[in-house]
Amino acid sequence: MNCNANKSIGCTVKQCAYHCGNENYCSLDKINVGTHEANPTEVKCTDCESFRPSSK
């Protein structure tokens, strides 16, 4: 896999199209983090809105 890992964005979600294979980094220059809660108070309340499912 030819991937330009962004060493500023760590990622362990291997099912994402932007995940860099054996490296736990994202290939995007920037990600968007959002929430699905009205008042987020825990990590589990946040979402990576840049996620796209891998076609693999």
N, C-alpha and C. Protein backbone atom coordinates (compact mmCIF):
# COMPACT_ATOMS: atom_id res chain seq x y z
N MET A 1 0.84 -1.18 0.00
CA MET A 1 0.00 0.00 0.00
C MET A 1 0.88 1.24 0.00
N ASN A 2 0.63 2.15 -0.89
CA ASN A 2 1.34 3.41 -0.94
C ASN A 2 0.50 4.45 -0.21
N CYS A 3 0.97 4.85 0.96
CA CYS A 3 0.19 5.75 1.80
C CYS A 3 1.09 6.85 2.33
N ASN A 4 0.62 8.07 2.27
CA ASN A 4 1.35 9.19 2.85
C ASN A 4 0.85 9.41 4.27
N ALA A 5 1.47 8.74 5.21
CA ALA A 5 1.04 8.81 6.60
C ALA A 5 1.27 10.21 7.16
N ASN A 6 0.23 10.75 7.77
CA ASN A 6 0.35 12.02 8.47
C ASN A 6 0.70 11.69 9.91
N LYS A 7 1.93 11.89 10.29
CA LYS A 7 2.42 11.51 11.62
C LYS A 7 1.79 12.36 12.73
N SER A 8 1.00 13.37 12.37
CA SER A 8 0.29 14.18 13.36
C SER A 8 -1.09 13.63 13.68
N ILE A 9 -1.55 12.64 12.88
CA ILE A 9 -2.88 12.07 13.10
C ILE A 9 -2.75 10.56 13.28
N GLY A 10 -2.73 10.12 14.51
CA GLY A 10 -2.68 8.69 14.81
C GLY A 10 -4.06 8.09 14.60
N CYS A 11 -4.12 6.84 14.14
CA CYS A 11 -5.39 6.17 13.90
C CYS A 11 -5.20 4.66 13.97
N THR A 12 -6.11 3.98 14.66
CA THR A 12 -6.06 2.52 14.74
C THR A 12 -7.29 1.87 14.09
N VAL A 13 -8.07 2.65 13.36
CA VAL A 13 -9.29 2.14 12.72
C VAL A 13 -8.91 1.61 11.33
N LYS A 14 -8.55 0.34 11.29
CA LYS A 14 -8.07 -0.26 10.04
C LYS A 14 -9.16 -0.38 8.97
N GLN A 15 -10.41 -0.24 9.35
CA GLN A 15 -11.52 -0.32 8.39
C GLN A 15 -11.75 1.01 7.65
N CYS A 16 -11.00 2.04 7.99
CA CYS A 16 -11.15 3.34 7.34
C CYS A 16 -10.31 3.39 6.06
N ALA A 17 -10.86 3.99 5.04
CA ALA A 17 -10.18 4.12 3.75
C ALA A 17 -8.90 4.95 3.86
N TYR A 18 -8.79 5.80 4.87
CA TYR A 18 -7.63 6.68 5.02
C TYR A 18 -6.56 6.13 5.97
N HIS A 19 -6.78 4.94 6.53
CA HIS A 19 -5.81 4.31 7.44
C HIS A 19 -4.61 3.84 6.63
N CYS A 20 -3.41 4.02 7.16
CA CYS A 20 -2.18 3.67 6.44
C CYS A 20 -1.68 2.26 6.74
N GLY A 21 -2.47 1.28 6.43
CA GLY A 21 -2.04 -0.11 6.51
C GLY A 21 -1.40 -0.51 7.82
N ASN A 22 -0.11 -0.92 7.80
CA ASN A 22 0.58 -1.38 8.99
C ASN A 22 1.02 -0.24 9.90
N GLU A 23 0.92 0.98 9.41
CA GLU A 23 1.24 2.14 10.23
C GLU A 23 -0.06 2.66 10.83
N ASN A 24 -0.08 2.96 12.10
CA ASN A 24 -1.30 3.45 12.74
C ASN A 24 -1.42 4.96 12.63
N TYR A 25 -1.51 5.42 11.36
CA TYR A 25 -1.66 6.83 11.06
C TYR A 25 -2.73 7.01 9.99
N CYS A 26 -3.23 8.24 9.91
CA CYS A 26 -4.20 8.63 8.89
C CYS A 26 -3.44 9.27 7.73
N SER A 27 -3.96 9.13 6.53
CA SER A 27 -3.31 9.73 5.37
C SER A 27 -3.86 11.11 5.02
N LEU A 28 -4.91 11.55 5.72
CA LEU A 28 -5.47 12.87 5.44
C LEU A 28 -4.59 13.99 6.01
N ASP A 29 -4.68 15.17 5.41
CA ASP A 29 -3.96 16.33 5.94
C ASP A 29 -4.67 16.89 7.16
N LYS A 30 -5.98 16.69 7.21
CA LYS A 30 -6.80 17.24 8.28
C LYS A 30 -8.01 16.33 8.46
N ILE A 31 -8.46 16.15 9.70
CA ILE A 31 -9.68 15.41 9.97
C ILE A 31 -10.68 16.32 10.66
N ASN A 32 -11.94 15.91 10.63
CA ASN A 32 -12.98 16.65 11.33
C ASN A 32 -13.51 15.77 12.45
N VAL A 33 -13.48 16.30 13.67
CA VAL A 33 -14.00 15.58 14.84
C VAL A 33 -15.29 16.25 15.25
N GLY A 34 -16.32 15.46 15.44
CA GLY A 34 -17.63 15.98 15.83
C GLY A 34 -18.20 15.15 16.97
N THR A 35 -19.48 15.35 17.22
CA THR A 35 -20.15 14.61 18.29
C THR A 35 -21.57 14.25 17.87
N HIS A 36 -22.09 13.21 18.49
CA HIS A 36 -23.47 12.80 18.27
C HIS A 36 -24.30 13.07 19.53
N GLU A 37 -23.72 13.80 20.47
CA GLU A 37 -24.37 14.11 21.74
C GLU A 37 -24.64 15.60 21.86
N ALA A 38 -25.68 15.97 22.59
CA ALA A 38 -25.98 17.38 22.83
C ALA A 38 -24.96 18.01 23.79
N ASN A 39 -24.44 17.20 24.72
CA ASN A 39 -23.49 17.69 25.71
C ASN A 39 -22.40 16.64 25.91
N PRO A 40 -21.43 16.55 25.00
CA PRO A 40 -20.41 15.51 25.11
C PRO A 40 -19.53 15.70 26.34
N THR A 41 -19.38 14.62 27.10
CA THR A 41 -18.58 14.67 28.32
C THR A 41 -17.56 13.54 28.41
N GLU A 42 -17.58 12.61 27.44
CA GLU A 42 -16.66 11.48 27.44
C GLU A 42 -16.12 11.24 26.03
N VAL A 43 -14.99 10.56 25.95
CA VAL A 43 -14.38 10.25 24.66
C VAL A 43 -15.36 9.55 23.74
N LYS A 44 -16.15 8.62 24.29
CA LYS A 44 -17.08 7.85 23.46
C LYS A 44 -18.19 8.71 22.85
N CYS A 45 -18.30 9.95 23.26
CA CYS A 45 -19.31 10.86 22.71
C CYS A 45 -18.82 11.57 21.44
N THR A 46 -17.55 11.38 21.09
CA THR A 46 -17.00 12.06 19.92
C THR A 46 -16.86 11.10 18.74
N ASP A 47 -16.82 11.67 17.54
CA ASP A 47 -16.74 10.89 16.31
C ASP A 47 -15.73 11.50 15.34
N CYS A 48 -15.03 10.65 14.60
CA CYS A 48 -14.22 11.12 13.50
C CYS A 48 -15.14 11.23 12.29
N GLU A 49 -15.52 12.45 11.96
CA GLU A 49 -16.45 12.67 10.85
C GLU A 49 -15.76 12.56 9.49
N SER A 50 -14.46 12.31 9.48
CA SER A 50 -13.72 12.11 8.24
C SER A 50 -13.69 10.64 7.85
N PHE A 51 -14.18 9.76 8.70
CA PHE A 51 -14.17 8.32 8.45
C PHE A 51 -14.90 7.97 7.16
N ARG A 52 -14.28 7.13 6.36
CA ARG A 52 -14.92 6.54 5.17
C ARG A 52 -14.56 5.06 5.18
N PRO A 53 -15.56 4.19 5.00
CA PRO A 53 -15.26 2.74 5.01
C PRO A 53 -14.31 2.35 3.89
N SER A 54 -13.40 1.46 4.20
CA SER A 54 -12.46 0.95 3.21
C SER A 54 -13.20 0.03 2.26
N SER A 55 -12.80 0.02 1.02
CA SER A 55 -13.43 -0.84 0.02
C SER A 55 -12.86 -2.25 0.04
N LYS A 56 -11.92 -2.52 0.92
CA LYS A 56 -11.29 -3.85 1.02
C LYS A 56 -12.18 -4.84 1.70
